[in-house]
Amino acid sequence: MTELVRCHRQQRPARPPQTQGPHVRGNRLRPSGPSWPVYEFAETDYCYGIGPIRLRLEWVNWAKPIPHEGDYWLAVRGVVIDRYGCDGAVREMLVRAACVPIPPVPRRPRLRVLRSSTPV
């Protein structure tokens, strides 16, 4: 289930997003990245679109803010979510920097130590 968070100038801290379980990569157990919740951006808070848009952010270019119309904007890539909560097309656009949420904090998985007496 996704959480819808509206963009406001004064953002309040949102509930931390749920993380997926750990997976194995390169013979090492690594945690999956946290998933972003769904955010809704008003027409005035993103470039080149009509009406509000709902996105599940996948990538934000924090390194290169773009000055545009007297404000700073960030390039983002995300999956468009329709009003029924279904995933749509992947879209890249500019979003006002003040409306882009802070990225979720990655958490380390709690791993149990296997003892030699414990069968695997």
Protein backbone atom coordinates (compact mmCIF):
# COMPACT_ATOMS: atom_id res chain seq x y z
CA MET A 1 0.00 0.00 0.00
CA THR A 2 1.30 3.45 -0.78
CA GLU A 3 1.12 6.58 1.28
CA LEU A 4 0.03 9.82 -0.38
CA VAL A 5 1.86 12.90 0.81
CA ARG A 6 1.01 16.32 -0.54
CA CYS A 7 3.72 18.87 -1.24
CA HIS A 8 3.59 21.91 1.00
CA ARG A 9 6.03 24.77 1.45
CA GLN A 10 6.45 23.92 5.13
CA GLN A 11 6.85 20.18 5.07
CA ARG A 12 6.11 18.17 8.14
CA PRO A 13 8.04 14.98 8.79
CA ALA A 14 6.26 12.05 7.22
CA ARG A 15 6.10 8.49 8.46
CA PRO A 16 9.29 6.63 7.50
CA PRO A 17 8.77 4.43 4.43
CA GLN A 18 8.77 0.67 4.71
CA THR A 19 11.91 -1.15 3.58
CA GLN A 20 12.03 -4.39 1.70
CA GLY A 21 13.89 -7.40 3.05
CA PRO A 22 17.62 -7.97 2.53
CA HIS A 23 18.98 -9.68 -0.59
CA VAL A 24 22.25 -11.29 -1.66
CA ARG A 25 24.54 -9.38 -4.03
CA GLY A 26 28.14 -10.43 -4.71
CA ASN A 27 27.97 -13.27 -2.13
CA ARG A 28 27.13 -10.68 0.55
CA LEU A 29 23.89 -10.02 2.29
CA ARG A 30 22.86 -6.44 1.54
CA PRO A 31 19.74 -4.54 2.49
CA SER A 32 17.36 -3.42 -0.22
CA GLY A 33 17.01 0.32 -0.63
CA PRO A 34 14.04 1.90 1.08
CA SER A 35 11.05 2.59 -1.11
CA TRP A 36 9.80 6.15 -1.41
CA PRO A 37 6.17 6.89 -0.68
CA VAL A 38 3.91 8.47 -3.29
CA TYR A 39 4.08 12.28 -3.47
CA GLU A 40 1.68 14.65 -5.18
CA PHE A 41 3.10 17.78 -6.80
CA ALA A 42 0.93 20.72 -7.83
CA GLU A 43 1.14 22.08 -11.37
CA THR A 44 3.15 25.07 -10.12
CA ASP A 45 5.72 22.80 -8.42
CA TYR A 46 6.90 20.90 -11.51
CA CYS A 47 7.80 21.88 -15.06
CA TYR A 48 6.16 20.91 -18.31
CA GLY A 49 2.85 19.41 -17.31
CA ILE A 50 -0.80 20.22 -16.76
CA GLY A 51 -2.56 19.58 -13.45
CA PRO A 52 -1.25 17.89 -10.31
CA ILE A 53 0.84 14.74 -10.66
CA ARG A 54 1.44 11.81 -8.32
CA LEU A 55 4.90 10.25 -8.38
CA ARG A 56 6.82 7.55 -6.60
CA LEU A 57 10.31 9.01 -6.80
CA GLU A 58 13.12 6.72 -7.94
CA TRP A 59 15.99 9.16 -8.41
CA VAL A 60 16.76 12.79 -7.55
CA ASN A 61 19.79 14.69 -8.85
CA TRP A 62 20.80 16.44 -5.62
CA ALA A 63 24.23 17.41 -7.00
CA LYS A 64 23.01 19.82 -9.71
CA PRO A 65 20.20 22.18 -8.72
CA ILE A 66 18.95 24.12 -11.74
CA PRO A 67 18.06 27.83 -11.41
CA HIS A 68 14.78 28.43 -13.26
CA GLU A 69 12.13 31.16 -12.85
CA GLY A 70 13.91 32.67 -9.84
CA ASP A 71 13.94 29.43 -7.85
CA TYR A 72 15.98 26.22 -7.70
CA TRP A 73 14.69 23.05 -9.31
CA LEU A 74 15.90 19.43 -9.19
CA ALA A 75 15.81 16.82 -11.93
CA VAL A 76 13.82 13.79 -10.75
CA ARG A 77 12.76 10.46 -12.21
CA GLY A 78 9.70 8.66 -10.90
CA VAL A 79 6.81 6.35 -11.67
CA VAL A 80 3.51 8.12 -12.33
CA ILE A 81 0.73 6.80 -10.07
CA ASP A 82 -2.84 7.13 -11.29
CA ARG A 83 -5.81 7.95 -9.06
CA TYR A 84 -6.48 4.25 -8.43
CA GLY A 85 -2.94 3.67 -7.11
CA CYS A 86 -1.65 1.76 -10.15
CA ASP A 87 1.84 2.31 -11.56
CA GLY A 88 2.09 4.14 -14.87
CA ALA A 89 4.92 5.36 -17.05
CA VAL A 90 8.36 6.39 -15.83
CA ARG A 91 8.77 10.15 -16.18
CA GLU A 92 11.67 12.57 -15.81
CA MET A 93 10.96 16.21 -14.97
CA LEU A 94 12.05 19.25 -12.99
CA VAL A 95 10.53 19.69 -9.53
CA ARG A 96 10.85 22.75 -7.30
CA ALA A 97 13.62 22.01 -4.77
CA ALA A 98 11.49 23.19 -1.84
CA CYS A 99 8.94 20.46 -2.63
CA VAL A 100 11.28 17.51 -3.07
CA PRO A 101 11.22 15.44 0.12
CA ILE A 102 14.36 14.45 1.98
CA PRO A 103 15.43 10.95 0.90
CA PRO A 104 14.48 8.10 3.23
CA VAL A 105 17.19 6.91 5.58
CA PRO A 106 18.55 3.47 4.71
CA ARG A 107 18.35 1.10 7.64
CA ARG A 108 20.63 -1.78 8.39
CA PRO A 109 18.83 -5.12 8.60
CA ARG A 110 18.79 -6.94 11.90
CA LEU A 111 20.68 -10.15 11.28
CA ARG A 112 20.73 -13.11 13.61
CA VAL A 113 23.96 -14.93 14.28
CA LEU A 114 23.81 -18.60 13.32
CA ARG A 115 25.26 -20.85 15.96
CA SER A 116 26.96 -24.10 15.09
CA SER A 117 24.20 -26.02 16.90
CA THR A 118 21.48 -24.37 14.82
CA PRO A 119 20.52 -26.37 11.70
CA VAL A 120 20.41 -24.33 8.54
